[in-house]
Amino acid sequence: MTRSAAQPLWMFEFGEEYDVPPAIIDSLLADVSWHNDSCPSFRMEFRMDPASGDDHDLRLWVGHPDADQRDMAERFVVNYQPWSNAPVPGVTVCDDGDVYAGDDPEAALKAYGVAAELVTAELDRRADVVRQEDQAW
């Protein structure tokens, strides 16, 4: 099956019944939905961690509107996974990496924005430290 240029990736991978809210579609987050995942997801790209060379993945997951047809308890989940041993301080996460879990898309986007600002600021700070160390050599 081939995706048309007009069809959103999330719809191609999961079907229109997932009904991703316009607030998420219209946000600056990229649709990175993949059929091997349990539901559509959206994220922004962060710079690579200059201290470790690793990626930081902050993702907004959109579960099925029908709670009986989703793998997660809440409809919207913001999840943070630092793929290094240096997570960003201040990004409050539960044991499973969730920053937000609930049924309000606006609250999910707000939680995403707060966490994204913290991740961006910390990665910028780490880049400055690496630059200063390089200049000291």
N, C-alpha and C. Protein backbone atom coordinates (compact mmCIF):
# COMPACT_ATOMS: atom_id res chain seq x y z
N MET A 1 0.84 -1.17 0.00
CA MET A 1 0.00 0.00 0.00
C MET A 1 0.89 1.24 0.00
N THR A 2 0.56 2.21 -0.82
CA THR A 2 1.35 3.42 -0.96
C THR A 2 0.62 4.61 -0.34
N ARG A 3 1.36 5.43 0.34
CA ARG A 3 0.79 6.62 0.98
C ARG A 3 0.74 7.77 -0.01
N SER A 4 -0.40 8.45 -0.07
CA SER A 4 -0.50 9.63 -0.92
C SER A 4 0.17 10.80 -0.21
N ALA A 5 0.60 11.78 -0.97
CA ALA A 5 1.28 12.95 -0.41
C ALA A 5 0.37 13.72 0.55
N ALA A 6 -0.92 13.68 0.33
CA ALA A 6 -1.86 14.43 1.17
C ALA A 6 -2.23 13.70 2.46
N GLN A 7 -1.95 12.40 2.52
CA GLN A 7 -2.35 11.61 3.68
C GLN A 7 -1.32 11.74 4.80
N PRO A 8 -1.76 12.14 5.99
CA PRO A 8 -0.81 12.21 7.11
C PRO A 8 -0.21 10.83 7.41
N LEU A 9 1.02 10.82 7.86
CA LEU A 9 1.69 9.58 8.18
C LEU A 9 0.93 8.78 9.23
N TRP A 10 0.46 9.44 10.28
CA TRP A 10 -0.26 8.73 11.34
C TRP A 10 -1.49 8.01 10.79
N MET A 11 -2.18 8.65 9.85
CA MET A 11 -3.38 8.05 9.27
C MET A 11 -3.02 6.85 8.39
N PHE A 12 -1.94 6.97 7.64
CA PHE A 12 -1.48 5.86 6.80
C PHE A 12 -1.10 4.66 7.66
N GLU A 13 -0.38 4.91 8.75
CA GLU A 13 0.12 3.82 9.59
C GLU A 13 -0.95 3.20 10.49
N PHE A 14 -1.92 4.03 10.98
CA PHE A 14 -2.86 3.54 11.99
C PHE A 14 -4.33 3.67 11.63
N GLY A 15 -4.66 4.49 10.65
CA GLY A 15 -6.06 4.65 10.26
C GLY A 15 -6.69 5.89 10.87
N GLU A 16 -7.70 6.40 10.18
CA GLU A 16 -8.33 7.64 10.62
C GLU A 16 -9.08 7.49 11.93
N GLU A 17 -9.37 6.27 12.35
CA GLU A 17 -10.08 6.08 13.61
C GLU A 17 -9.27 6.55 14.83
N TYR A 18 -7.97 6.76 14.66
CA TYR A 18 -7.17 7.30 15.77
C TYR A 18 -7.47 8.77 16.02
N ASP A 19 -8.01 9.46 15.03
CA ASP A 19 -8.54 10.81 15.19
C ASP A 19 -7.60 11.73 15.99
N VAL A 20 -6.42 11.94 15.44
CA VAL A 20 -5.44 12.83 16.10
C VAL A 20 -6.01 14.25 16.10
N PRO A 21 -6.06 14.90 17.27
CA PRO A 21 -6.65 16.24 17.36
C PRO A 21 -5.89 17.27 16.53
N PRO A 22 -6.62 18.25 15.98
CA PRO A 22 -5.98 19.32 15.19
C PRO A 22 -4.87 20.05 15.94
N ALA A 23 -5.03 20.23 17.24
CA ALA A 23 -3.99 20.93 18.01
C ALA A 23 -2.64 20.24 17.88
N ILE A 24 -2.65 18.92 17.82
CA ILE A 24 -1.39 18.17 17.68
C ILE A 24 -0.92 18.20 16.23
N ILE A 25 -1.84 18.03 15.31
CA ILE A 25 -1.48 18.08 13.89
C ILE A 25 -0.89 19.43 13.53
N ASP A 26 -1.47 20.51 14.07
CA ASP A 26 -1.03 21.87 13.74
C ASP A 26 0.17 22.33 14.55
N SER A 27 0.62 21.53 15.51
CA SER A 27 1.79 21.92 16.31
C SER A 27 3.05 21.80 15.45
N LEU A 28 4.16 22.19 16.01
CA LEU A 28 5.43 22.11 15.29
C LEU A 28 6.09 20.73 15.41
N LEU A 29 5.39 19.78 16.00
CA LEU A 29 5.94 18.45 16.16
C LEU A 29 5.85 17.66 14.86
N ALA A 30 6.90 16.93 14.57
CA ALA A 30 6.92 16.10 13.36
C ALA A 30 6.18 14.78 13.63
N ASP A 31 5.42 14.35 12.66
CA ASP A 31 4.73 13.07 12.72
C ASP A 31 5.75 11.98 12.43
N VAL A 32 6.08 11.19 13.43
CA VAL A 32 7.06 10.11 13.27
C VAL A 32 6.40 8.74 13.51
N SER A 33 5.11 8.67 13.22
CA SER A 33 4.36 7.43 13.43
C SER A 33 4.98 6.29 12.62
N TRP A 34 4.97 5.13 13.23
CA TRP A 34 5.55 3.95 12.61
C TRP A 34 4.67 2.76 12.96
N HIS A 35 4.36 1.93 11.98
CA HIS A 35 3.40 0.84 12.17
C HIS A 35 3.82 -0.19 13.22
N ASN A 36 5.09 -0.28 13.54
CA ASN A 36 5.52 -1.22 14.57
C ASN A 36 5.26 -0.69 15.98
N ASP A 37 4.95 0.59 16.11
CA ASP A 37 4.58 1.16 17.40
C ASP A 37 3.11 0.85 17.67
N SER A 38 2.67 1.12 18.89
CA SER A 38 1.28 0.81 19.24
C SER A 38 0.31 1.92 18.87
N CYS A 39 0.83 3.12 18.55
CA CYS A 39 -0.06 4.24 18.21
C CYS A 39 0.76 5.35 17.56
N PRO A 40 0.08 6.34 16.97
CA PRO A 40 0.79 7.46 16.35
C PRO A 40 1.65 8.22 17.36
N SER A 41 2.75 8.80 16.87
CA SER A 41 3.60 9.60 17.75
C SER A 41 4.17 10.79 17.00
N PHE A 42 4.50 11.80 17.79
CA PHE A 42 4.98 13.08 17.26
C PHE A 42 6.14 13.54 18.12
N ARG A 43 7.13 14.20 17.48
CA ARG A 43 8.30 14.66 18.23
C ARG A 43 8.98 15.80 17.52
N MET A 44 9.90 16.43 18.21
CA MET A 44 10.78 17.40 17.58
C MET A 44 12.19 16.85 17.65
N GLU A 45 13.04 17.31 16.76
CA GLU A 45 14.44 16.87 16.76
C GLU A 45 15.24 17.74 17.72
N PHE A 46 16.03 17.11 18.54
CA PHE A 46 16.96 17.82 19.40
C PHE A 46 18.36 17.60 18.86
N ARG A 47 19.24 18.52 19.19
CA ARG A 47 20.64 18.30 18.83
C ARG A 47 21.15 17.06 19.56
N MET A 48 22.16 16.44 19.00
CA MET A 48 22.76 15.30 19.66
C MET A 48 23.42 15.80 20.93
N ASP A 49 23.38 14.99 21.97
CA ASP A 49 23.99 15.37 23.24
C ASP A 49 25.49 15.50 23.04
N PRO A 50 26.03 16.72 23.17
CA PRO A 50 27.46 16.91 22.91
C PRO A 50 28.35 16.23 23.94
N ALA A 51 27.81 15.94 25.11
CA ALA A 51 28.61 15.29 26.14
C ALA A 51 28.72 13.78 25.90
N SER A 52 27.66 13.17 25.38
CA SER A 52 27.67 11.71 25.23
C SER A 52 27.56 11.24 23.79
N GLY A 53 27.11 12.13 22.89
CA GLY A 53 26.87 11.73 21.50
C GLY A 53 25.55 11.02 21.32
N ASP A 54 24.75 10.97 22.36
CA ASP A 54 23.48 10.26 22.31
C ASP A 54 22.32 11.19 21.97
N ASP A 55 21.20 10.57 21.61
CA ASP A 55 19.98 11.28 21.29
C ASP A 55 19.09 11.36 22.52
N HIS A 56 18.25 12.37 22.57
CA HIS A 56 17.22 12.49 23.60
C HIS A 56 15.89 12.46 22.88
N ASP A 57 15.04 11.52 23.24
CA ASP A 57 13.77 11.33 22.55
C ASP A 57 12.63 11.78 23.45
N LEU A 58 11.96 12.85 23.06
CA LEU A 58 10.78 13.36 23.75
C LEU A 58 9.65 13.21 22.75
N ARG A 59 8.68 12.40 23.10
CA ARG A 59 7.65 12.02 22.13
C ARG A 59 6.26 12.16 22.73
N LEU A 60 5.33 12.61 21.89
CA LEU A 60 3.92 12.68 22.28
C LEU A 60 3.20 11.54 21.56
N TRP A 61 2.67 10.62 22.33
CA TRP A 61 1.96 9.47 21.80
C TRP A 61 0.46 9.75 21.84
N VAL A 62 -0.25 9.35 20.80
CA VAL A 62 -1.70 9.56 20.72
C VAL A 62 -2.37 8.20 20.62
N GLY A 63 -3.02 7.82 21.72
CA GLY A 63 -3.71 6.54 21.76
C GLY A 63 -5.06 6.60 21.07
N HIS A 64 -5.62 5.45 20.85
CA HIS A 64 -6.94 5.33 20.21
C HIS A 64 -7.98 6.03 21.08
N PRO A 65 -8.97 6.71 20.50
CA PRO A 65 -10.01 7.37 21.30
C PRO A 65 -10.80 6.40 22.19
N ASP A 66 -10.94 5.16 21.76
CA ASP A 66 -11.64 4.14 22.54
C ASP A 66 -10.64 3.47 23.48
N ALA A 67 -10.81 3.69 24.78
CA ALA A 67 -9.86 3.15 25.77
C ALA A 67 -9.69 1.64 25.66
N ASP A 68 -10.71 0.93 25.21
CA ASP A 68 -10.63 -0.52 25.08
C ASP A 68 -9.73 -0.95 23.91
N GLN A 69 -9.38 -0.02 23.03
CA GLN A 69 -8.57 -0.35 21.87
C GLN A 69 -7.16 0.23 21.95
N ARG A 70 -6.73 0.65 23.11
CA ARG A 70 -5.37 1.20 23.23
C ARG A 70 -4.53 0.42 24.22
N ASP A 71 -3.22 0.50 24.04
CA ASP A 71 -2.28 -0.19 24.92
C ASP A 71 -1.96 0.61 26.18
N MET A 72 -2.20 1.91 26.15
CA MET A 72 -1.89 2.73 27.31
C MET A 72 -3.18 3.20 27.96
N ALA A 73 -3.12 3.49 29.23
CA ALA A 73 -4.33 3.84 29.97
C ALA A 73 -4.90 5.18 29.53
N GLU A 74 -4.04 6.13 29.25
CA GLU A 74 -4.49 7.49 28.90
C GLU A 74 -4.41 7.69 27.40
N ARG A 75 -5.15 8.65 26.88
CA ARG A 75 -5.18 8.90 25.44
C ARG A 75 -3.89 9.56 24.95
N PHE A 76 -3.33 10.48 25.77
CA PHE A 76 -2.14 11.22 25.36
C PHE A 76 -1.03 11.00 26.39
N VAL A 77 0.13 10.62 25.90
CA VAL A 77 1.27 10.39 26.78
C VAL A 77 2.48 11.10 26.18
N VAL A 78 3.14 11.90 27.01
CA VAL A 78 4.42 12.51 26.64
C VAL A 78 5.48 11.70 27.36
N ASN A 79 6.40 11.16 26.59
CA ASN A 79 7.41 10.25 27.13
C ASN A 79 8.80 10.79 26.80
N TYR A 80 9.69 10.73 27.77
CA TYR A 80 11.07 11.21 27.60
C TYR A 80 12.03 10.05 27.82
N GLN A 81 12.88 9.81 26.83
CA GLN A 81 13.90 8.78 26.93
C GLN A 81 15.26 9.37 26.58
N PRO A 82 16.09 9.62 27.58
CA PRO A 82 17.46 10.05 27.25
C PRO A 82 18.27 8.80 26.93
N TRP A 83 18.78 8.70 25.74
CA TRP A 83 19.52 7.50 25.36
C TRP A 83 20.96 7.61 25.81
N SER A 84 21.14 8.07 27.03
CA SER A 84 22.47 8.19 27.61
C SER A 84 22.31 8.07 29.12
N ASN A 85 23.42 8.12 29.80
CA ASN A 85 23.39 8.08 31.26
C ASN A 85 23.29 9.49 31.82
N ALA A 86 22.93 10.45 30.99
CA ALA A 86 22.87 11.83 31.43
C ALA A 86 21.52 12.46 31.09
N PRO A 87 20.47 12.05 31.79
CA PRO A 87 19.17 12.67 31.53
C PRO A 87 19.20 14.15 31.89
N VAL A 88 18.25 14.87 31.38
CA VAL A 88 18.19 16.31 31.62
C VAL A 88 17.58 16.57 32.98
N PRO A 89 18.29 17.31 33.84
CA PRO A 89 17.71 17.64 35.14
C PRO A 89 16.47 18.52 34.96
N GLY A 90 15.49 18.33 35.81
CA GLY A 90 14.30 19.16 35.76
C GLY A 90 13.16 18.56 34.96
N VAL A 91 13.46 17.61 34.07
CA VAL A 91 12.39 16.95 33.34
C VAL A 91 11.89 15.83 34.24
N THR A 92 10.77 16.08 34.87
CA THR A 92 10.21 15.13 35.82
C THR A 92 9.59 13.98 35.06
N VAL A 93 10.07 12.79 35.36
CA VAL A 93 9.51 11.61 34.70
C VAL A 93 9.16 10.56 35.74
N CYS A 94 8.22 9.73 35.40
CA CYS A 94 7.89 8.57 36.21
C CYS A 94 8.89 7.47 35.86
N ASP A 95 8.77 6.34 36.53
CA ASP A 95 9.68 5.23 36.26
C ASP A 95 9.68 4.81 34.80
N ASP A 96 8.53 4.95 34.13
CA ASP A 96 8.44 4.52 32.74
C ASP A 96 8.80 5.63 31.75
N GLY A 97 9.25 6.77 32.24
CA GLY A 97 9.66 7.86 31.36
C GLY A 97 8.55 8.83 30.99
N ASP A 98 7.35 8.63 31.54
CA ASP A 98 6.24 9.51 31.19
C ASP A 98 6.36 10.86 31.88
N VAL A 99 6.24 11.91 31.10
CA VAL A 99 6.23 13.28 31.59
C VAL A 99 4.78 13.71 31.83
N TYR A 100 3.89 13.24 30.98
CA TYR A 100 2.46 13.54 31.09
C TYR A 100 1.68 12.33 30.60
N ALA A 101 0.58 12.07 31.26
CA ALA A 101 -0.37 11.05 30.79
C ALA A 101 -1.77 11.55 31.16
N GLY A 102 -2.62 11.72 30.17
CA GLY A 102 -3.97 12.20 30.42
C GLY A 102 -4.79 12.23 29.15
N ASP A 103 -5.95 12.83 29.25
CA ASP A 103 -6.88 12.84 28.12
C ASP A 103 -7.05 14.21 27.48
N ASP A 104 -6.22 15.17 27.85
CA ASP A 104 -6.33 16.53 27.34
C ASP A 104 -5.18 16.83 26.37
N PRO A 105 -5.47 16.98 25.08
CA PRO A 105 -4.38 17.22 24.12
C PRO A 105 -3.64 18.53 24.38
N GLU A 106 -4.35 19.56 24.84
CA GLU A 106 -3.69 20.85 25.13
C GLU A 106 -2.72 20.71 26.30
N ALA A 107 -3.13 19.98 27.33
CA ALA A 107 -2.25 19.75 28.48
C ALA A 107 -1.03 18.92 28.06
N ALA A 108 -1.23 17.96 27.16
CA ALA A 108 -0.12 17.15 26.67
C ALA A 108 0.87 18.03 25.90
N LEU A 109 0.35 18.91 25.05
CA LEU A 109 1.23 19.81 24.30
C LEU A 109 1.96 20.78 25.22
N LYS A 110 1.28 21.25 26.26
CA LYS A 110 1.93 22.15 27.22
C LYS A 110 3.06 21.42 27.96
N ALA A 111 2.78 20.21 28.42
CA ALA A 111 3.81 19.41 29.10
C ALA A 111 4.98 19.14 28.16
N TYR A 112 4.68 18.86 26.90
CA TYR A 112 5.73 18.64 25.91
C TYR A 112 6.58 19.89 25.77
N GLY A 113 5.92 21.05 25.66
CA GLY A 113 6.65 22.31 25.50
C GLY A 113 7.57 22.61 26.66
N VAL A 114 7.10 22.41 27.88
CA VAL A 114 7.93 22.66 29.07
C VAL A 114 9.14 21.73 29.06
N ALA A 115 8.90 20.45 28.82
CA ALA A 115 10.00 19.48 28.80
C ALA A 115 10.97 19.78 27.66
N ALA A 116 10.44 20.17 26.50
CA ALA A 116 11.31 20.48 25.35
C ALA A 116 12.21 21.67 25.64
N GLU A 117 11.67 22.68 26.31
CA GLU A 117 12.49 23.84 26.68
C GLU A 117 13.62 23.43 27.61
N LEU A 118 13.33 22.57 28.58
CA LEU A 118 14.36 22.10 29.51
C LEU A 118 15.43 21.29 28.78
N VAL A 119 15.00 20.39 27.90
CA VAL A 119 15.96 19.56 27.15
C VAL A 119 16.84 20.44 26.27
N THR A 120 16.23 21.38 25.55
CA THR A 120 16.98 22.26 24.66
C THR A 120 17.99 23.09 25.44
N ALA A 121 17.55 23.68 26.54
CA ALA A 121 18.45 24.51 27.35
C ALA A 121 19.62 23.69 27.90
N GLU A 122 19.33 22.49 28.35
CA GLU A 122 20.40 21.65 28.90
C GLU A 122 21.37 21.20 27.82
N LEU A 123 20.87 20.84 26.65
CA LEU A 123 21.78 20.44 25.57
C LEU A 123 22.62 21.62 25.10
N ASP A 124 22.03 22.81 25.08
CA ASP A 124 22.82 24.01 24.75
C ASP A 124 23.90 24.25 25.80
N ARG A 125 23.55 24.07 27.08
CA ARG A 125 24.53 24.24 28.16
C ARG A 125 25.67 23.23 28.01
N ARG A 126 25.31 21.99 27.71
CA ARG A 126 26.34 20.96 27.53
C ARG A 126 27.24 21.27 26.34
N ALA A 127 26.65 21.81 25.27
CA ALA A 127 27.45 22.20 24.10
C ALA A 127 28.43 23.30 24.48
N ASP A 128 27.99 24.26 25.29
CA ASP A 128 28.89 25.33 25.74
C ASP A 128 30.04 24.77 26.56
N VAL A 129 29.76 23.81 27.42
CA VAL A 129 30.81 23.19 28.24
C VAL A 129 31.82 22.49 27.35
N VAL A 130 31.34 21.73 26.38
CA VAL A 130 32.24 21.02 25.46
C VAL A 130 33.08 22.02 24.67
N ARG A 131 32.45 23.11 24.20
CA ARG A 131 33.19 24.15 23.46
C ARG A 131 34.28 24.77 24.32
N GLN A 132 33.94 25.07 25.56
CA GLN A 132 34.92 25.66 26.46
C GLN A 132 36.07 24.70 26.74
N GLU A 133 35.75 23.42 26.90
CA GLU A 133 36.80 22.41 27.12
C GLU A 133 37.69 22.30 25.89
N ASP A 134 37.09 22.35 24.70
CA ASP A 134 37.86 22.28 23.47
C ASP A 134 38.78 23.49 23.32
N GLN A 135 38.28 24.66 23.70
CA GLN A 135 39.08 25.88 23.60
C GLN A 135 40.23 25.87 24.61
N ALA A 136 40.03 25.18 25.74
CA ALA A 136 41.07 25.11 26.76
C ALA A 136 42.25 24.27 26.31
N TRP A 137 42.00 23.40 25.34
CA TRP A 137 43.09 22.55 24.83
C TRP A 137 43.91 23.35 23.92
